[in-house]
Structure formats: C-alpha cells, structure tokens
C-alpha cells in the first residue's frame, strides 16, 4: 500500500497551499478518496472526500475554502487550500473513507504532511 502525502508547510493566515497524494492502485482505483487531518490532541477528522466519479464532500469548516480533486489515470488526489486559518493547522493524511477497504489493507495511513498556519 502506498499513501504518500506532500505539499505541507508553514503559511501565514490567509495564505494557500496545495496538497498532493500518490496512492497505490489497490486503494485508489474505484474507491472514494479523502483528505483527513489530525491536530495535536484531537482525533483525526475527514476534511473532504471525492468519489471515483468526481462527487465531492466537505466538512462545514472548510466549505468554500478547500477544493478536492483526483486524477484517476495517475492515482493521485489533491487538496487545494485557500484562506487558511490557524485552526487548519494539523497533519494531513490521504486515505479512502471506506473502512472495510482500509482494514483489508492493514489500515495503513502513511506519514501525512504537516500544515502549519501562523496568525
């Protein structure tokens, strides 16, 4: 299983970042993919997801600021983040929202990528 998230960094509030994730075919193909984040001391939460057909979901706190996209030919999923806020600071992970798929592949999450938004 490969889930390689990249693109994080330090940005000022109001700034933008684009995260990318390269996934292996056994977790990507035919499955919805999502971006999760985990802030210090908090549980991991689903931020956005996109089906293989392109339908997307966003948690309320990022609607209008984040855009998720995927390239089915390259097995990649991206997250465009604009108007970043300090509360967006977290480690961001990509994975499929389908629990049974994750569990069948050992519930692997990769290292994620750190996003730090300064005020």
Protein backbone atom coordinates (compact mmCIF):
# COMPACT_ATOMS: atom_id res chain seq x y z
CA UNK A 1 0.00 0.00 0.00
CA UNK A 2 1.29 3.48 -0.86
CA UNK A 3 -0.13 6.71 0.50
CA UNK A 4 2.41 9.48 0.05
CA UNK A 5 1.11 12.89 1.03
CA UNK A 6 3.14 16.01 0.25
CA UNK A 7 2.86 19.76 -0.10
CA UNK A 8 2.51 20.84 3.51
CA UNK A 9 4.44 23.67 5.04
CA UNK A 10 4.31 26.87 7.05
CA UNK A 11 1.99 29.57 5.76
CA UNK A 12 0.51 32.76 7.16
CA UNK A 13 -3.19 33.05 7.84
CA UNK A 14 -5.00 33.87 4.62
CA UNK A 15 -2.45 32.02 2.54
CA UNK A 16 -2.79 28.98 0.30
CA UNK A 17 -1.29 25.53 -0.05
CA UNK A 18 -1.84 22.61 -2.40
CA UNK A 19 -1.50 19.10 -1.01
CA UNK A 20 -0.94 16.08 -3.20
CA UNK A 21 -1.19 12.37 -2.51
CA UNK A 22 0.13 9.48 -4.56
CA UNK A 23 -1.72 6.28 -3.79
CA UNK A 24 -1.29 2.72 -4.89
CA UNK A 25 -3.89 1.29 -7.19
CA UNK A 26 -5.24 -1.23 -4.73
CA UNK A 27 -6.55 1.55 -2.50
CA UNK A 28 -7.30 4.19 -5.14
CA UNK A 29 -8.99 2.57 -8.08
CA UNK A 30 -12.75 2.56 -7.87
CA UNK A 31 -12.81 3.95 -4.35
CA UNK A 32 -13.66 7.33 -2.95
CA UNK A 33 -10.59 9.08 -1.59
CA UNK A 34 -10.38 11.63 1.15
CA UNK A 35 -8.19 14.05 2.99
CA UNK A 36 -8.11 13.77 6.76
CA UNK A 37 -6.38 15.92 9.33
CA UNK A 38 -5.29 15.47 12.89
CA UNK A 39 -4.46 18.42 15.08
CA UNK A 40 -2.45 17.99 18.30
CA UNK A 41 -4.60 16.44 21.00
CA UNK A 42 -7.54 15.92 18.68
CA UNK A 43 -9.00 13.00 16.80
CA UNK A 44 -8.43 12.54 13.11
CA UNK A 45 -11.25 14.05 11.08
CA UNK A 46 -12.37 13.77 7.48
CA UNK A 47 -11.95 17.13 5.78
CA UNK A 48 -13.00 16.34 2.23
CA UNK A 49 -13.64 13.35 0.02
CA UNK A 50 -14.25 12.64 -3.64
CA UNK A 51 -15.79 9.61 -5.31
CA UNK A 52 -14.26 7.90 -8.30
CA UNK A 53 -16.87 9.72 -10.38
CA UNK A 54 -15.92 13.12 -9.02
CA UNK A 55 -18.64 13.86 -6.48
CA UNK A 56 -17.20 15.71 -3.51
CA UNK A 57 -17.92 16.25 0.16
CA UNK A 58 -16.53 18.90 2.50
CA UNK A 59 -16.81 19.31 6.21
CA UNK A 60 -18.52 22.57 7.10
CA UNK A 61 -15.40 24.30 8.41
CA UNK A 62 -13.63 24.14 5.02
CA UNK A 63 -16.50 24.67 2.60
CA UNK A 64 -15.73 27.44 0.15
CA UNK A 65 -12.01 27.38 1.04
CA UNK A 66 -10.81 23.88 0.14
CA UNK A 67 -11.19 22.03 -3.16
CA UNK A 68 -10.51 18.33 -3.58
CA UNK A 69 -9.68 16.77 -6.94
CA UNK A 70 -8.37 13.49 -8.27
CA UNK A 71 -6.58 12.15 -11.32
CA UNK A 72 -7.77 8.61 -11.91
CA UNK A 73 -5.11 7.96 -14.51
CA UNK A 74 -2.30 8.84 -12.11
CA UNK A 75 -3.83 7.55 -8.85
CA UNK A 76 -3.44 10.94 -7.24
CA UNK A 77 -5.71 13.08 -5.12
CA UNK A 78 -5.11 16.74 -4.34
CA UNK A 79 -6.41 19.32 -1.92
CA UNK A 80 -6.28 22.99 -2.80
CA UNK A 81 -6.49 25.05 0.39
CA UNK A 82 -7.14 28.79 0.36
CA UNK A 83 -7.86 31.39 3.02
CA UNK A 84 -6.07 29.23 5.54
CA UNK A 85 -6.74 29.77 9.22
CA UNK A 86 -4.66 28.89 12.28
CA UNK A 87 -7.26 26.26 13.14
CA UNK A 88 -6.37 24.44 9.91
CA UNK A 89 -3.01 23.56 11.46
CA UNK A 90 -2.70 19.78 11.51
CA UNK A 91 -1.06 16.77 9.95
CA UNK A 92 -2.98 15.98 6.77
CA UNK A 93 -3.40 12.42 5.53
CA UNK A 94 -5.00 10.92 2.45
CA UNK A 95 -6.90 7.66 2.50
CA UNK A 96 -10.11 6.08 1.39
CA UNK A 97 -13.17 6.73 3.58
CA UNK A 98 -14.19 3.11 3.08
CA UNK A 99 -13.32 1.50 6.38
CA UNK A 100 -13.52 -2.05 5.05
CA UNK A 101 -11.03 -1.24 2.31
CA UNK A 102 -8.61 0.36 4.77
CA UNK A 103 -8.90 -2.56 7.15
CA UNK A 104 -8.37 -5.11 4.38
CA UNK A 105 -5.10 -3.33 3.56
CA UNK A 106 -3.86 -3.15 7.12
CA UNK A 107 -5.29 0.27 7.98
CA UNK A 108 -2.16 1.97 6.68
CA UNK A 109 -2.13 5.80 6.79
CA UNK A 110 1.30 6.89 5.70
CA UNK A 111 3.20 9.73 7.37
CA UNK A 112 0.97 12.57 6.30
CA UNK A 113 2.11 16.10 5.65
CA UNK A 114 2.23 18.88 8.23
CA UNK A 115 0.38 22.12 7.60
CA UNK A 116 1.12 24.98 9.98
CA UNK A 117 -0.82 28.22 9.69
CA UNK A 118 0.55 31.15 11.65
CA UNK A 119 -1.62 34.02 12.82
